[in-house]
Amino acid sequence: MSAHCMLTGTRPGFGNTISHSHRRTPRRFDPNIQSKRYWLPSEGRYVRLRLSAKGIKTVDAIGVEAAVARIRARGVRV
């Protein structure tokens, strides 16, 4: 599975590593993806979400119910 956030949709960015001699080689900038388990009271079960660090802060701000609703609106199965 590629490194992307279920809530924000953040995906890896691509660029170049530039050495001291200015030779360029391709590289990836991966988002900080963490797997976190949340209790979903409406369904009476835990859900495991793969979120970026910013996504975890968003869940803390809006709540897990609203976050799961946004994830499902994007078409991701939870």
N, C-alpha and C. Protein backbone atom coordinates (compact mmCIF):
# COMPACT_ATOMS: atom_id res chain seq x y z
N MET A 1 0.84 -1.17 0.00
CA MET A 1 0.00 0.00 0.00
C MET A 1 0.89 1.24 0.00
N SER A 2 0.53 2.21 -0.84
CA SER A 2 1.35 3.41 -0.92
C SER A 2 1.15 4.26 0.33
N ALA A 3 2.10 5.11 0.59
CA ALA A 3 2.06 5.95 1.79
C ALA A 3 1.13 7.13 1.53
N HIS A 4 -0.15 6.99 1.90
CA HIS A 4 -1.06 8.12 1.79
C HIS A 4 -2.01 8.14 2.98
N CYS A 5 -2.49 9.34 3.29
CA CYS A 5 -3.35 9.56 4.43
C CYS A 5 -4.80 9.33 4.03
N MET A 6 -5.54 8.58 4.86
CA MET A 6 -6.94 8.30 4.55
C MET A 6 -7.82 9.54 4.68
N LEU A 7 -7.45 10.48 5.53
CA LEU A 7 -8.27 11.66 5.78
C LEU A 7 -7.92 12.82 4.86
N THR A 8 -6.67 13.20 4.82
CA THR A 8 -6.26 14.37 4.04
C THR A 8 -5.90 14.02 2.60
N GLY A 9 -5.61 12.75 2.33
CA GLY A 9 -5.24 12.35 0.97
C GLY A 9 -3.81 12.68 0.61
N THR A 10 -3.00 13.04 1.58
CA THR A 10 -1.61 13.39 1.33
C THR A 10 -0.86 12.19 0.77
N ARG A 11 -0.14 12.40 -0.32
CA ARG A 11 0.63 11.34 -0.98
C ARG A 11 2.09 11.76 -1.07
N PRO A 12 2.98 10.84 -1.40
CA PRO A 12 4.39 11.22 -1.52
C PRO A 12 4.61 12.27 -2.60
N GLY A 13 5.54 13.16 -2.31
CA GLY A 13 5.98 14.13 -3.31
C GLY A 13 7.29 13.65 -3.90
N PHE A 14 7.61 14.13 -5.08
CA PHE A 14 8.83 13.68 -5.75
C PHE A 14 9.70 14.88 -6.07
N GLY A 15 11.00 14.65 -6.02
CA GLY A 15 11.94 15.72 -6.31
C GLY A 15 13.32 15.14 -6.55
N ASN A 16 14.32 15.95 -6.36
CA ASN A 16 15.69 15.53 -6.58
C ASN A 16 16.53 15.79 -5.35
N THR A 17 17.46 14.87 -5.09
CA THR A 17 18.52 15.11 -4.13
C THR A 17 19.66 15.75 -4.90
N ILE A 18 20.15 16.87 -4.42
CA ILE A 18 21.21 17.57 -5.13
C ILE A 18 22.48 17.47 -4.30
N SER A 19 23.50 16.84 -4.86
CA SER A 19 24.76 16.63 -4.14
C SER A 19 25.60 17.91 -4.17
N HIS A 20 26.73 17.84 -3.49
CA HIS A 20 27.64 18.98 -3.46
C HIS A 20 28.11 19.36 -4.86
N SER A 21 28.29 18.36 -5.73
CA SER A 21 28.73 18.62 -7.10
C SER A 21 27.56 18.98 -8.01
N HIS A 22 26.38 19.11 -7.45
CA HIS A 22 25.14 19.48 -8.14
C HIS A 22 24.62 18.37 -9.06
N ARG A 23 25.02 17.13 -8.81
CA ARG A 23 24.44 16.00 -9.53
C ARG A 23 23.07 15.74 -8.92
N ARG A 24 22.07 15.50 -9.76
CA ARG A 24 20.70 15.31 -9.28
C ARG A 24 20.28 13.85 -9.41
N THR A 25 19.74 13.31 -8.32
CA THR A 25 19.21 11.96 -8.33
C THR A 25 17.79 12.00 -7.77
N PRO A 26 16.89 11.19 -8.32
CA PRO A 26 15.50 11.26 -7.89
C PRO A 26 15.29 10.73 -6.46
N ARG A 27 14.30 11.30 -5.78
CA ARG A 27 13.98 10.88 -4.43
C ARG A 27 12.50 11.10 -4.17
N ARG A 28 12.00 10.52 -3.06
CA ARG A 28 10.61 10.68 -2.63
C ARG A 28 10.55 11.41 -1.30
N PHE A 29 9.56 12.27 -1.15
CA PHE A 29 9.27 12.91 0.12
C PHE A 29 8.00 12.25 0.65
N ASP A 30 8.15 11.29 1.56
CA ASP A 30 7.00 10.56 2.09
C ASP A 30 6.34 11.33 3.22
N PRO A 31 5.01 11.32 3.28
CA PRO A 31 4.33 11.93 4.43
C PRO A 31 4.53 11.08 5.67
N ASN A 32 4.36 11.70 6.83
CA ASN A 32 4.56 11.02 8.12
C ASN A 32 3.30 10.21 8.44
N ILE A 33 3.22 8.98 7.93
CA ILE A 33 2.03 8.15 8.07
C ILE A 33 2.14 7.30 9.35
N GLN A 34 1.08 7.35 10.16
CA GLN A 34 1.00 6.56 11.38
C GLN A 34 -0.30 5.76 11.34
N SER A 35 -0.27 4.57 11.91
CA SER A 35 -1.48 3.76 12.04
C SER A 35 -2.01 3.97 13.45
N LYS A 36 -3.27 4.40 13.55
CA LYS A 36 -3.83 4.75 14.86
C LYS A 36 -5.22 4.13 14.98
N ARG A 37 -5.53 3.66 16.18
CA ARG A 37 -6.80 3.00 16.45
C ARG A 37 -7.69 3.94 17.24
N TYR A 38 -8.92 4.14 16.75
CA TYR A 38 -9.88 5.02 17.42
C TYR A 38 -11.14 4.23 17.76
N TRP A 39 -11.77 4.58 18.88
CA TRP A 39 -13.06 4.00 19.26
C TRP A 39 -14.16 4.79 18.55
N LEU A 40 -15.01 4.08 17.83
CA LEU A 40 -16.12 4.69 17.09
C LEU A 40 -17.40 4.36 17.85
N PRO A 41 -17.91 5.29 18.69
CA PRO A 41 -19.05 4.97 19.56
C PRO A 41 -20.33 4.65 18.80
N SER A 42 -20.54 5.27 17.64
CA SER A 42 -21.79 5.04 16.90
C SER A 42 -21.90 3.60 16.41
N GLU A 43 -20.76 2.95 16.14
CA GLU A 43 -20.77 1.57 15.66
C GLU A 43 -20.35 0.58 16.74
N GLY A 44 -19.91 1.09 17.89
CA GLY A 44 -19.51 0.23 18.99
C GLY A 44 -18.30 -0.63 18.69
N ARG A 45 -17.34 -0.07 17.95
CA ARG A 45 -16.14 -0.83 17.58
C ARG A 45 -14.96 0.12 17.38
N TYR A 46 -13.77 -0.49 17.33
CA TYR A 46 -12.57 0.27 17.02
C TYR A 46 -12.38 0.30 15.51
N VAL A 47 -11.81 1.40 15.01
CA VAL A 47 -11.40 1.48 13.62
C VAL A 47 -9.92 1.83 13.59
N ARG A 48 -9.19 1.21 12.68
CA ARG A 48 -7.77 1.49 12.53
C ARG A 48 -7.61 2.36 11.29
N LEU A 49 -7.03 3.54 11.49
CA LEU A 49 -6.87 4.49 10.40
C LEU A 49 -5.39 4.73 10.14
N ARG A 50 -5.04 4.87 8.87
CA ARG A 50 -3.67 5.22 8.47
C ARG A 50 -3.68 6.71 8.16
N LEU A 51 -3.15 7.50 9.10
CA LEU A 51 -3.23 8.95 9.01
C LEU A 51 -1.85 9.58 9.03
N SER A 52 -1.75 10.74 8.40
CA SER A 52 -0.54 11.54 8.53
C SER A 52 -0.59 12.26 9.87
N ALA A 53 0.52 12.86 10.27
CA ALA A 53 0.56 13.59 11.54
C ALA A 53 -0.46 14.72 11.52
N LYS A 54 -0.62 15.38 10.38
CA LYS A 54 -1.62 16.45 10.27
C LYS A 54 -3.03 15.86 10.36
N GLY A 55 -3.24 14.67 9.80
CA GLY A 55 -4.54 14.01 9.88
C GLY A 55 -4.92 13.66 11.31
N ILE A 56 -3.94 13.25 12.12
CA ILE A 56 -4.20 12.94 13.53
C ILE A 56 -4.63 14.20 14.27
N LYS A 57 -3.97 15.32 13.98
CA LYS A 57 -4.35 16.59 14.61
C LYS A 57 -5.75 17.02 14.17
N THR A 58 -6.11 16.73 12.92
CA THR A 58 -7.44 17.06 12.42
C THR A 58 -8.50 16.24 13.15
N VAL A 59 -8.24 14.95 13.35
CA VAL A 59 -9.17 14.10 14.10
C VAL A 59 -9.33 14.62 15.52
N ASP A 60 -8.24 15.06 16.15
CA ASP A 60 -8.32 15.62 17.50
C ASP A 60 -9.19 16.87 17.53
N ALA A 61 -9.17 17.65 16.45
CA ALA A 61 -9.91 18.91 16.41
C ALA A 61 -11.39 18.71 16.10
N ILE A 62 -11.71 17.84 15.11
CA ILE A 62 -13.11 17.71 14.67
C ILE A 62 -13.82 16.51 15.26
N GLY A 63 -13.09 15.58 15.83
CA GLY A 63 -13.69 14.38 16.40
C GLY A 63 -13.64 13.21 15.43
N VAL A 64 -13.69 12.01 16.00
CA VAL A 64 -13.53 10.80 15.19
C VAL A 64 -14.76 10.55 14.32
N GLU A 65 -15.96 10.89 14.79
CA GLU A 65 -17.18 10.66 14.00
C GLU A 65 -17.15 11.48 12.72
N ALA A 66 -16.82 12.77 12.83
CA ALA A 66 -16.75 13.64 11.66
C ALA A 66 -15.62 13.22 10.72
N ALA A 67 -14.51 12.78 11.29
CA ALA A 67 -13.37 12.36 10.47
C ALA A 67 -13.73 11.12 9.66
N VAL A 68 -14.38 10.14 10.30
CA VAL A 68 -14.78 8.92 9.58
C VAL A 68 -15.81 9.27 8.50
N ALA A 69 -16.68 10.22 8.77
CA ALA A 69 -17.66 10.65 7.76
C ALA A 69 -16.94 11.25 6.55
N ARG A 70 -15.90 12.06 6.80
CA ARG A 70 -15.13 12.65 5.69
C ARG A 70 -14.39 11.58 4.90
N ILE A 71 -13.83 10.59 5.61
CA ILE A 71 -13.10 9.52 4.94
C ILE A 71 -14.06 8.72 4.05
N ARG A 72 -15.24 8.41 4.57
CA ARG A 72 -16.22 7.66 3.79
C ARG A 72 -16.74 8.49 2.61
N ALA A 73 -16.83 9.81 2.76
CA ALA A 73 -17.25 10.68 1.66
C ALA A 73 -16.25 10.65 0.52
N ARG A 74 -14.97 10.41 0.84
CA ARG A 74 -13.93 10.31 -0.20
C ARG A 74 -13.98 8.96 -0.90
N GLY A 75 -14.80 8.04 -0.39
CA GLY A 75 -14.93 6.73 -1.02
C GLY A 75 -14.02 5.67 -0.46
N VAL A 76 -13.39 5.93 0.68
CA VAL A 76 -12.50 4.96 1.32
C VAL A 76 -13.30 4.12 2.30
N ARG A 77 -13.11 2.81 2.27
CA ARG A 77 -13.81 1.91 3.17
C ARG A 77 -13.13 1.90 4.52
N VAL A 78 -13.93 2.05 5.59
CA VAL A 78 -13.38 2.06 6.96
C VAL A 78 -13.89 0.83 7.69
